[in-house]
Amino acid sequence: MSDILVVDDERDIRELVSDILEDEGYATRKAGNSDECMAEITSEPPALLILDIWLKDSQMDGIDILKTVKRDYPEVPVVIISGHGNIEIAVAAIKQGAYDFIEKPFNIDQLMVVIRRAMETSRLRRENTELKRKDTGGADMIGTSAAFRTLQGQLEKVTKSNGRVMLSGPAGVGKEIAARFIHTNSNRAGAPFITVNCAGVEPDRMEEMLFGRESQERGVEPGLLEQAHGGVVYFDEVADMPLGTQSKILRVLVDQQFQRVGGGDKIKVDLRVISSTNKNLETEIAADRFRQELYHRLNVVPIAVPSLADRREDIPVLAAYFIEMFHENQGLPLREVSEEAEALMQTMNWPGNVRQLKNLIERVLILGDGAGPIEARELPNDEEPKTDDGRVVLSGALATLPLREAREAFEREYLLTQINRFGGNISRTASFVGMERSALHRKLKSLGVVTSNKSGARIAHLDEETADSEM
């Protein structure tokens, strides 16, 4: 997309304009009617369209072509030329999104000034579009745990379809990365991925942001849905979308078209919709905060994104990935993580999930005291507080128990933590804690610790009888 398409029903005019442009170093194509014009655009969108407003023996006039191009190829600037020019035609063309308007007979110097400005606009728009398309936002899926493999398998199944996907999970688990993974591996990978931050936009601006605006003063301003045409629109935290907007989005999903704010024309769009939420949408529906019809439209393929607590095995590989990323992007030290630091990270609480881990790694690299391995002492310590001489201060509940019960309580909590750290893998847990596998099984049984499936991983927990006996 680097040439200029000249459309005029007068052969002499299109040949003259084309010759002038080629003398200035531009490549050109020519069309004499609307059918030829649309065929050229469909085969390869030009960098710039110079368009006569009146086209004899054509099904579409210049304004019709302009509307179509701005809908389907919004990055292509359109310069309107006409021998019947007047202010009404100029206003109509600009309102429909024309870059500029030139009246025939035109001054060559004036024409070239407009062409150069329009081509620069075209270049900037193409670069912006390419950046959007390349901006996968770290769509790499990182992990090896059973919970991660289950998630990846579900995502891969929906990449080749056009079905709407609802991603659920707490904040920071990587729902947008999952959405971008679907897009990057789909047949729409070369088209835009547009994010709608439903929680970050003022309700009274949501519709203008989504649908765009038309006004005589400012012309056409495409909205996010129009920008996403042919690609994916991602509704981030869709539960926070205003109720009034929900009904209009529902209509878009049904009709695949909408009107800009202040406009009258129907804008057709081809979109794949992916949504995410950290809330229970059925609860939101019961509280009249979310439309049930929209829920059913969006929730065609529900996929749960596991928390970091459900995939602790992935913490070392995620930490290594973030270290390398910060080294490449910010020049921070390329450090390894010591075994003790890995073990501590795998037993820590992560309410902020993967996002919290990423922030922690960045902070450690910025504040770290060298290029050697990251040590456990550099990480936040949520263990029992210690006295100045290194003794552990017991919690009040543990300090009141007899020695046998206190030991069992400690062993139970310790083994629960280690099993979950290794994703329910008894062999790896036994190796780490220094026990034979059979002995560990016996110990777990005596302490009332069992494992069960959750999000594709084996998760250890206290059985109900043991839990009841301790209450």
Protein backbone atom coordinates (compact mmCIF):
# COMPACT_ATOMS: atom_id res chain seq x y z
CA MET A 1 0.00 0.00 0.00
CA SER A 2 2.36 2.69 -1.29
CA ASP A 3 0.75 4.01 -4.49
CA ILE A 4 -1.93 6.59 -5.34
CA LEU A 5 -5.21 5.65 -7.02
CA VAL A 6 -6.59 8.37 -9.33
CA VAL A 7 -10.32 8.06 -10.09
CA ASP A 8 -11.93 10.35 -12.69
CA ASP A 9 -14.40 9.70 -15.49
CA GLU A 10 -12.47 12.06 -17.78
CA ARG A 11 -9.50 10.19 -19.23
CA ASP A 12 -7.49 13.36 -19.89
CA ILE A 13 -7.82 14.45 -16.25
CA ARG A 14 -6.78 11.14 -14.72
CA GLU A 15 -3.87 10.81 -17.16
CA LEU A 16 -2.73 14.37 -16.40
CA VAL A 17 -2.90 13.92 -12.63
CA SER A 18 -1.17 10.54 -12.88
CA ASP A 19 1.66 11.98 -15.04
CA ILE A 20 2.19 14.87 -12.61
CA LEU A 21 2.38 12.50 -9.65
CA GLU A 22 4.74 10.08 -11.41
CA ASP A 23 7.02 13.01 -12.32
CA GLU A 24 7.15 13.71 -8.56
CA GLY A 25 8.20 10.11 -7.89
CA TYR A 26 4.87 8.56 -6.89
CA ALA A 27 3.52 5.27 -8.25
CA THR A 28 -0.06 5.51 -9.51
CA ARG A 29 -3.04 3.48 -10.63
CA LYS A 30 -6.07 4.78 -12.56
CA ALA A 31 -9.80 4.05 -12.67
CA GLY A 32 -12.54 5.61 -14.79
CA ASN A 33 -15.69 4.49 -12.92
CA SER A 34 -16.87 3.17 -9.56
CA ASP A 35 -16.57 -0.52 -10.50
CA GLU A 36 -12.95 -0.11 -11.60
CA CYS A 37 -12.26 1.98 -8.49
CA MET A 38 -13.65 -0.57 -6.02
CA ALA A 39 -11.92 -3.43 -7.84
CA GLU A 40 -8.55 -1.64 -7.50
CA ILE A 41 -9.16 -0.87 -3.82
CA THR A 42 -10.27 -4.41 -3.02
CA SER A 43 -7.24 -5.96 -4.72
CA GLU A 44 -4.83 -3.67 -2.86
CA PRO A 45 -5.80 -0.58 -0.82
CA PRO A 46 -3.83 2.45 -2.05
CA ALA A 47 -1.84 4.81 0.14
CA LEU A 48 -4.05 7.66 -1.11
CA LEU A 49 -7.25 7.96 -3.13
CA ILE A 50 -7.81 10.99 -5.41
CA LEU A 51 -11.50 10.84 -6.23
CA ASP A 52 -13.73 12.79 -8.64
CA ILE A 53 -17.08 13.58 -7.01
CA TRP A 54 -19.04 13.06 -10.29
CA LEU A 55 -18.57 9.77 -12.15
CA LYS A 56 -20.54 9.16 -15.34
CA ASP A 57 -21.91 5.69 -16.10
CA SER A 58 -21.20 4.53 -12.53
CA GLN A 59 -23.34 2.83 -9.92
CA MET A 60 -21.74 4.92 -7.16
CA ASP A 61 -20.79 8.59 -7.08
CA GLY A 62 -17.77 9.99 -5.24
CA ILE A 63 -19.62 10.43 -1.93
CA ASP A 64 -20.81 6.78 -2.03
CA ILE A 65 -17.26 5.57 -2.70
CA LEU A 66 -15.94 7.85 0.05
CA LYS A 67 -18.38 6.38 2.60
CA THR A 68 -17.43 2.84 1.62
CA VAL A 69 -13.69 3.50 1.79
CA LYS A 70 -13.90 5.25 5.17
CA ARG A 71 -15.91 2.32 6.52
CA ASP A 72 -13.79 -0.52 5.15
CA TYR A 73 -10.35 1.15 4.80
CA PRO A 74 -10.32 4.00 7.35
CA GLU A 75 -6.54 4.38 7.13
CA VAL A 76 -6.73 5.49 3.44
CA PRO A 77 -6.92 9.32 3.06
CA VAL A 78 -9.31 10.52 0.32
CA VAL A 79 -8.84 13.80 -1.58
CA ILE A 80 -11.99 14.87 -3.43
CA ILE A 81 -11.74 16.77 -6.75
CA SER A 82 -14.64 18.22 -8.72
CA GLY A 83 -15.33 20.62 -11.57
CA HIS A 84 -18.70 21.43 -10.05
CA GLY A 85 -17.35 22.36 -6.67
CA ASN A 86 -19.24 24.43 -4.16
CA ILE A 87 -19.24 24.81 -0.42
CA GLU A 88 -22.09 22.32 0.08
CA ILE A 89 -20.18 19.55 -1.71
CA ALA A 90 -17.01 20.40 0.22
CA VAL A 91 -18.83 20.25 3.56
CA ALA A 92 -20.52 16.98 2.59
CA ALA A 93 -17.20 15.41 1.60
CA ILE A 94 -15.36 16.57 4.72
CA LYS A 95 -18.26 15.40 6.90
CA GLN A 96 -18.00 11.94 5.40
CA GLY A 97 -14.30 11.79 6.20
CA ALA A 98 -12.51 13.26 3.17
CA TYR A 99 -8.98 14.48 3.89
CA ASP A 100 -9.36 17.56 1.67
CA PHE A 101 -11.28 19.03 -1.26
CA ILE A 102 -9.83 20.55 -4.46
CA GLU A 103 -11.85 22.27 -7.17
CA LYS A 104 -11.12 21.83 -10.88
CA PRO A 105 -9.41 23.41 -12.69
CA PHE A 106 -6.81 23.01 -9.96
CA ASN A 107 -3.46 24.64 -9.45
CA ILE A 108 -0.66 22.06 -9.72
CA ASP A 109 1.34 23.55 -6.85
CA GLN A 110 -1.77 23.53 -4.65
CA LEU A 111 -2.47 19.93 -5.68
CA MET A 112 1.04 18.80 -4.74
CA VAL A 113 0.90 20.50 -1.34
CA VAL A 114 -2.31 18.60 -0.54
CA ILE A 115 -0.90 15.32 -1.94
CA ARG A 116 2.30 15.55 0.13
CA ARG A 117 0.35 16.26 3.33
CA ALA A 118 -2.10 13.44 2.59
CA MET A 119 0.70 10.95 1.86
CA GLU A 120 2.38 11.85 5.16
CA THR A 121 -0.95 11.29 6.90
CA SER A 122 -1.22 7.94 5.12
CA ARG A 123 2.26 6.92 6.24
CA LEU A 124 1.53 7.80 9.87
CA ARG A 125 -1.78 5.92 9.77
CA ARG A 126 -0.11 2.82 8.33
CA GLU A 127 2.61 2.91 10.97
CA ASN A 128 0.01 3.31 13.70
CA THR A 129 -2.01 0.39 12.31
CA GLU A 130 1.10 -1.80 12.12
CA LEU A 131 2.00 -0.93 15.69
CA LYS A 132 -1.49 -1.91 16.82
CA ARG A 133 -1.24 -5.17 14.94
CA LYS A 134 2.20 -5.95 16.33
CA ASP A 135 1.24 -4.88 19.83
CA THR A 136 0.48 -8.32 21.17
CA GLY A 137 1.24 -6.97 24.63
CA GLY A 138 3.31 -10.01 25.52
CA ALA A 139 0.90 -12.59 24.10
CA ASP A 140 3.43 -15.32 24.99
CA MET A 141 1.85 -17.94 27.20
CA ILE A 142 4.38 -18.93 29.85
CA GLY A 143 4.10 -22.05 32.00
CA THR A 144 4.41 -25.82 32.30
CA SER A 145 2.01 -26.68 35.13
CA ALA A 146 -1.06 -28.88 34.66
CA ALA A 147 -3.37 -25.89 35.24
CA PHE A 148 -1.50 -23.89 32.61
CA ARG A 149 -1.56 -26.73 30.07
CA THR A 150 -5.31 -27.08 30.57
CA LEU A 151 -5.79 -23.35 29.94
CA GLN A 152 -3.57 -23.37 26.86
CA GLY A 153 -5.42 -26.35 25.44
CA GLN A 154 -8.75 -24.56 25.85
CA LEU A 155 -7.42 -21.40 24.21
CA GLU A 156 -5.97 -23.30 21.26
CA LYS A 157 -9.34 -24.93 20.61
CA VAL A 158 -11.04 -21.55 20.12
CA THR A 159 -8.34 -19.85 18.02
CA LYS A 160 -9.64 -21.16 14.69
CA SER A 161 -13.29 -20.43 15.35
CA ASN A 162 -15.10 -17.11 15.41
CA GLY A 163 -16.98 -17.88 18.61
CA ARG A 164 -17.29 -15.31 21.38
CA VAL A 165 -15.15 -16.11 24.41
CA MET A 166 -15.65 -15.07 28.04
CA LEU A 167 -12.45 -15.18 30.13
CA SER A 168 -12.97 -15.22 33.89
CA GLY A 169 -10.52 -15.01 36.76
CA PRO A 170 -9.26 -12.68 39.49
CA ALA A 171 -7.31 -9.51 38.73
CA GLY A 172 -3.76 -9.98 37.49
CA VAL A 173 -4.03 -13.56 36.21
CA GLY A 174 -3.41 -12.58 32.57
CA LYS A 175 -6.85 -12.52 30.98
CA GLU A 176 -5.77 -9.99 28.33
CA ILE A 177 -2.71 -12.07 27.48
CA ALA A 178 -5.05 -15.04 26.98
CA ALA A 179 -7.25 -12.90 24.71
CA ARG A 180 -4.24 -11.76 22.68
CA PHE A 181 -3.07 -15.38 22.40
CA ILE A 182 -6.41 -16.27 20.80
CA HIS A 183 -6.10 -13.34 18.39
CA THR A 184 -2.44 -13.94 17.50
CA ASN A 185 -3.12 -17.58 16.62
CA SER A 186 -6.38 -16.96 14.73
CA ASN A 187 -7.10 -16.21 11.08
CA ARG A 188 -7.59 -12.56 12.15
CA ALA A 189 -4.00 -12.21 13.39
CA GLY A 190 -3.17 -9.56 10.78
CA ALA A 191 -6.16 -7.40 11.74
CA PRO A 192 -6.47 -5.00 14.71
CA PHE A 193 -6.86 -6.09 18.33
CA ILE A 194 -8.73 -3.25 20.05
CA THR A 195 -9.11 -3.16 23.84
CA VAL A 196 -12.11 -1.50 25.46
CA ASN A 197 -11.33 -0.74 29.11
CA CYS A 198 -14.89 -0.89 30.44
CA ALA A 199 -13.85 0.13 33.96
CA GLY A 200 -11.62 3.02 32.88
CA VAL A 201 -14.01 5.12 30.80
CA GLU A 202 -16.56 7.60 32.12
CA PRO A 203 -20.08 6.24 31.48
CA ASP A 204 -21.16 9.37 29.58
CA ARG A 205 -18.22 8.93 27.15
CA MET A 206 -18.53 5.18 26.61
CA GLU A 207 -20.86 5.29 23.61
CA GLU A 208 -18.88 7.98 21.79
CA MET A 209 -15.69 6.00 22.39
CA LEU A 210 -17.26 2.78 21.07
CA PHE A 211 -19.36 4.04 18.18
CA GLY A 212 -17.52 7.22 17.15
CA ARG A 213 -19.03 10.62 16.40
CA GLU A 214 -20.14 12.71 13.43
CA SER A 215 -20.39 16.49 13.55
CA GLN A 216 -20.21 19.32 11.04
CA GLU A 217 -17.42 20.97 12.98
CA ARG A 218 -15.18 17.92 13.50
CA GLY A 219 -16.28 15.62 10.68
CA VAL A 220 -16.16 11.83 11.21
CA GLU A 221 -14.36 10.41 14.23
CA PRO A 222 -14.36 6.59 14.07
CA GLY A 223 -14.93 4.76 17.36
CA LEU A 224 -13.20 1.65 18.68
CA LEU A 225 -15.67 -0.75 17.07
CA GLU A 226 -14.99 0.79 13.67
CA GLN A 227 -11.24 0.62 14.29
CA ALA A 228 -11.57 -3.08 15.15
CA HIS A 229 -13.34 -3.92 11.85
CA GLY A 230 -12.06 -7.24 10.56
CA GLY A 231 -10.30 -8.03 13.83
CA VAL A 232 -11.03 -8.45 17.52
CA VAL A 233 -12.65 -6.16 20.07
CA TYR A 234 -11.73 -7.11 23.65
CA PHE A 235 -14.10 -5.93 26.38
CA ASP A 236 -11.84 -5.81 29.43
CA GLU A 237 -13.83 -6.22 32.70
CA VAL A 238 -17.14 -6.18 30.83
CA ALA A 239 -19.13 -6.22 34.08
CA ASP A 240 -18.27 -2.53 34.47
CA MET A 241 -19.89 -1.52 31.18
CA PRO A 242 -22.79 0.94 31.79
CA LEU A 243 -26.25 -0.64 31.53
CA GLY A 244 -27.34 1.76 28.78
CA THR A 245 -24.34 0.84 26.67
CA GLN A 246 -24.94 -2.87 27.28
CA SER A 247 -28.26 -2.75 25.44
CA LYS A 248 -26.65 -1.03 22.44
CA ILE A 249 -23.74 -3.49 22.35
CA LEU A 250 -26.30 -6.29 22.40
CA ARG A 251 -27.90 -4.78 19.29
CA VAL A 252 -24.48 -4.54 17.59
CA LEU A 253 -23.86 -8.22 18.27
CA VAL A 254 -27.22 -9.10 16.73
CA ASP A 255 -27.09 -6.79 13.69
CA GLN A 256 -23.32 -6.38 13.18
CA GLN A 257 -23.93 -2.68 12.55
CA PHE A 258 -24.41 0.58 14.45
CA GLN A 259 -24.69 4.34 14.06
CA ARG A 260 -22.09 6.86 15.11
CA VAL A 261 -23.16 9.38 17.75
CA GLY A 262 -24.71 12.26 15.79
CA GLY A 263 -24.73 10.24 12.56
CA GLY A 264 -27.48 8.67 10.49
CA ASP A 265 -25.72 6.05 8.36
CA LYS A 266 -25.49 2.41 9.43
CA ILE A 267 -21.86 1.29 9.87
CA LYS A 268 -21.38 -2.41 9.18
CA VAL A 269 -18.59 -4.18 11.07
CA ASP A 270 -17.07 -7.65 11.06
CA LEU A 271 -15.85 -8.32 14.60
CA ARG A 272 -14.83 -11.14 16.84
CA VAL A 273 -15.69 -10.37 20.47
CA ILE A 274 -13.66 -11.55 23.47
CA SER A 275 -14.64 -10.42 26.96
CA SER A 276 -13.22 -10.78 30.44
CA THR A 277 -14.46 -10.37 33.99
CA ASN A 278 -13.23 -10.77 37.55
CA LYS A 279 -16.81 -10.69 38.84
CA ASN A 280 -19.53 -13.33 38.96
CA LEU A 281 -21.77 -12.17 36.13
CA GLU A 282 -24.70 -14.26 37.31
CA THR A 283 -24.56 -12.34 40.60
CA GLU A 284 -24.38 -9.08 38.63
CA ILE A 285 -27.44 -10.16 36.63
CA ALA A 286 -29.38 -10.96 39.81
CA ALA A 287 -28.52 -7.47 41.11
CA ASP A 288 -29.76 -5.88 37.84
CA ARG A 289 -26.26 -4.60 37.02
CA PHE A 290 -25.75 -6.73 33.91
CA ARG A 291 -28.13 -7.69 31.11
CA GLN A 292 -28.86 -11.39 30.94
CA GLU A 293 -29.30 -11.31 27.15
CA LEU A 294 -25.84 -9.77 26.73
CA TYR A 295 -24.35 -12.37 29.08
CA HIS A 296 -25.70 -15.19 26.93
CA ARG A 297 -24.38 -13.52 23.77
CA LEU A 298 -20.88 -13.05 25.20
CA ASN A 299 -20.58 -16.26 27.21
CA VAL A 300 -20.59 -18.66 24.25
CA VAL A 301 -17.25 -20.24 25.25
CA PRO A 302 -16.44 -19.66 28.94
CA ILE A 303 -12.78 -20.16 29.92
CA ALA A 304 -11.46 -19.80 33.48
CA VAL A 305 -7.93 -18.40 33.77
CA PRO A 306 -6.29 -19.92 36.89
CA SER A 307 -4.80 -17.85 39.67
CA LEU A 308 -1.08 -17.97 40.42
CA ALA A 309 -1.87 -19.95 43.57
CA ASP A 310 -3.28 -22.69 41.32
CA ARG A 311 -0.12 -22.82 39.20
CA ARG A 312 2.76 -22.33 41.65
CA GLU A 313 4.97 -24.64 39.59
CA ASP A 314 5.09 -21.87 36.96
CA ILE A 315 6.53 -19.24 39.29
CA PRO A 316 10.23 -20.00 38.54
CA VAL A 317 9.72 -19.96 34.75
CA LEU A 318 7.59 -16.80 34.96
CA ALA A 319 10.25 -15.11 37.10
CA ALA A 320 12.97 -16.02 34.58
CA TYR A 321 10.80 -14.70 31.73
CA PHE A 322 10.21 -11.36 33.48
CA ILE A 323 13.92 -11.00 34.32
CA GLU A 324 14.86 -11.44 30.66
CA MET A 325 12.08 -9.08 29.56
CA PHE A 326 13.19 -6.30 31.94
CA HIS A 327 16.80 -6.83 30.87
CA GLU A 328 15.88 -6.37 27.17
CA ASN A 329 13.39 -3.52 27.64
CA GLN A 330 14.93 -1.55 30.49
CA GLY A 331 18.51 -2.71 30.68
CA LEU A 332 18.06 -4.12 34.20
CA PRO A 333 20.53 -6.78 35.42
CA LEU A 334 20.15 -10.25 33.90
CA ARG A 335 20.08 -12.26 37.14
CA GLU A 336 19.23 -15.82 38.02
CA VAL A 337 17.00 -16.81 40.95
CA SER A 338 18.51 -18.88 43.73
CA GLU A 339 16.82 -22.13 44.79
CA GLU A 340 15.98 -20.59 48.18
CA ALA A 341 14.35 -17.56 46.52
CA GLU A 342 12.37 -19.82 44.16
CA ALA A 343 11.16 -21.89 47.09
CA LEU A 344 10.11 -18.77 49.00
CA MET A 345 8.25 -17.31 46.00
CA GLN A 346 6.39 -20.59 45.52
CA THR A 347 5.11 -20.48 49.10
CA MET A 348 4.19 -16.76 49.20
CA ASN A 349 0.65 -15.41 48.91
CA TRP A 350 -0.08 -13.78 45.55
CA PRO A 351 -3.38 -11.87 45.73
CA GLY A 352 -2.26 -9.83 42.70
CA ASN A 353 -1.34 -13.00 40.79
CA VAL A 354 1.03 -12.84 37.78
CA ARG A 355 0.90 -9.04 37.71
CA GLN A 356 2.10 -8.93 41.33
CA LEU A 357 4.94 -11.36 40.54
CA LYS A 358 5.99 -9.20 37.58
CA ASN A 359 6.02 -6.07 39.73
CA LEU A 360 8.02 -7.85 42.44
CA ILE A 361 10.68 -8.98 39.96
CA GLU A 362 11.00 -5.46 38.56
CA ARG A 363 11.37 -3.99 42.06
CA VAL A 364 14.03 -6.55 43.05
CA LEU A 365 16.02 -5.89 39.86
CA ILE A 366 15.89 -2.12 40.40
CA LEU A 367 16.76 -2.21 44.11
CA GLY A 368 18.99 -5.30 44.01
CA ASP A 369 22.53 -5.30 45.34
CA GLY A 370 24.41 -6.85 42.46
CA ALA A 371 24.35 -9.06 39.38
CA GLY A 372 24.48 -12.36 41.25
CA PRO A 373 21.51 -14.66 41.87
CA ILE A 374 18.43 -13.16 43.53
CA GLU A 375 18.46 -14.35 47.13
CA ALA A 376 15.54 -15.05 49.45
CA ARG A 377 16.54 -12.12 51.68
CA GLU A 378 15.73 -9.72 48.80
CA LEU A 379 12.09 -10.85 48.73
CA PRO A 380 9.25 -9.74 51.01
CA ASN A 381 9.17 -12.03 54.04
CA ASP A 382 5.72 -13.08 55.20
CA GLU A 383 7.02 -15.74 57.59
CA GLU A 384 6.53 -15.69 61.36
CA PRO A 385 8.31 -12.65 62.86
CA LYS A 386 11.75 -13.24 64.39
CA THR A 387 13.49 -11.79 67.40
CA ASP A 388 16.87 -10.09 67.21
CA ASP A 389 18.64 -13.37 68.04
CA GLY A 390 16.86 -15.21 65.19
CA ARG A 391 14.24 -17.05 67.24
CA VAL A 392 10.81 -17.46 65.61
CA VAL A 393 7.96 -15.79 67.52
CA LEU A 394 5.09 -18.29 67.72
CA SER A 395 1.55 -17.20 66.90
CA GLY A 396 -0.81 -17.08 69.86
CA ALA A 397 -2.85 -20.10 68.69
CA LEU A 398 0.21 -22.31 68.15
CA ALA A 399 1.83 -21.27 71.43
CA THR A 400 -1.19 -22.51 73.44
CA LEU A 401 -1.13 -26.06 72.02
CA PRO A 402 0.59 -29.05 73.61
CA LEU A 403 3.81 -30.03 71.85
CA ARG A 404 2.29 -32.99 69.96
CA GLU A 405 -0.62 -30.96 68.58
CA ALA A 406 1.62 -28.00 67.77
CA ARG A 407 4.00 -30.27 65.85
CA GLU A 408 1.12 -31.83 63.90
CA ALA A 409 -0.31 -28.40 63.07
CA PHE A 410 3.08 -27.22 61.81
CA GLU A 411 3.72 -30.38 59.79
CA ARG A 412 0.25 -30.24 58.26
CA GLU A 413 0.61 -26.60 57.16
CA TYR A 414 4.17 -27.13 55.96
CA LEU A 415 3.28 -30.17 53.83
CA LEU A 416 0.15 -28.50 52.45
CA THR A 417 2.31 -25.59 51.33
CA GLN A 418 4.99 -27.78 49.73
CA ILE A 419 2.55 -30.06 47.88
CA ASN A 420 0.73 -27.06 46.43
CA ARG A 421 4.07 -25.47 45.55
CA PHE A 422 4.88 -28.55 43.40
CA GLY A 423 1.40 -28.72 41.84
CA GLY A 424 0.39 -31.85 43.74
CA ASN A 425 3.45 -33.84 42.57
CA ILE A 426 4.14 -36.17 45.52
CA SER A 427 7.49 -37.39 44.16
CA ARG A 428 8.94 -33.89 43.86
CA THR A 429 7.52 -32.92 47.25
CA ALA A 430 9.04 -36.00 48.88
CA SER A 431 12.42 -35.24 47.33
CA PHE A 432 12.35 -31.62 48.53
CA VAL A 433 11.27 -32.37 52.13
CA GLY A 434 13.71 -35.29 52.38
CA MET A 435 11.26 -38.16 52.82
CA GLU A 436 10.61 -41.42 51.03
CA ARG A 437 7.48 -41.22 48.88
CA SER A 438 5.75 -44.03 50.80
CA ALA A 439 6.61 -42.34 54.10
CA LEU A 440 5.20 -39.06 52.84
CA HIS A 441 1.96 -40.79 51.83
CA ARG A 442 1.63 -42.26 55.31
CA LYS A 443 2.38 -38.90 56.93
CA LEU A 444 -0.22 -37.12 54.78
CA LYS A 445 -2.83 -39.73 55.62
CA SER A 446 -2.12 -39.42 59.34
CA LEU A 447 -2.40 -35.61 59.15
CA GLY A 448 -5.64 -35.73 57.14
CA VAL A 449 -4.14 -34.12 54.02
CA VAL A 450 -5.73 -35.12 50.69
CA THR A 451 -5.31 -33.91 47.11
CA SER A 452 -8.03 -33.12 44.59
CA ASN A 453 -8.28 -31.73 41.06
CA LYS A 454 -8.76 -27.98 40.62
CA SER A 455 -8.18 -26.05 37.39
CA GLY A 456 -6.25 -28.96 35.95
CA ALA A 457 -3.85 -29.23 38.92
CA ARG A 458 -3.63 -31.45 41.99
CA ILE A 459 -4.32 -29.22 45.00
CA ALA A 460 -3.73 -30.34 48.57
CA HIS A 461 -6.20 -29.50 51.31
CA LEU A 462 -7.41 -30.72 54.70
CA ASP A 463 -10.14 -33.35 54.52
CA GLU A 464 -13.52 -32.42 55.97
CA GLU A 465 -13.39 -34.84 58.90
CA THR A 466 -10.02 -33.53 60.05
CA ALA A 467 -11.11 -29.93 59.55
CA ASP A 468 -14.29 -30.54 61.58
CA SER A 469 -12.35 -32.23 64.38
CA GLU A 470 -10.13 -29.15 64.73
CA MET A 471 -13.00 -26.66 65.04
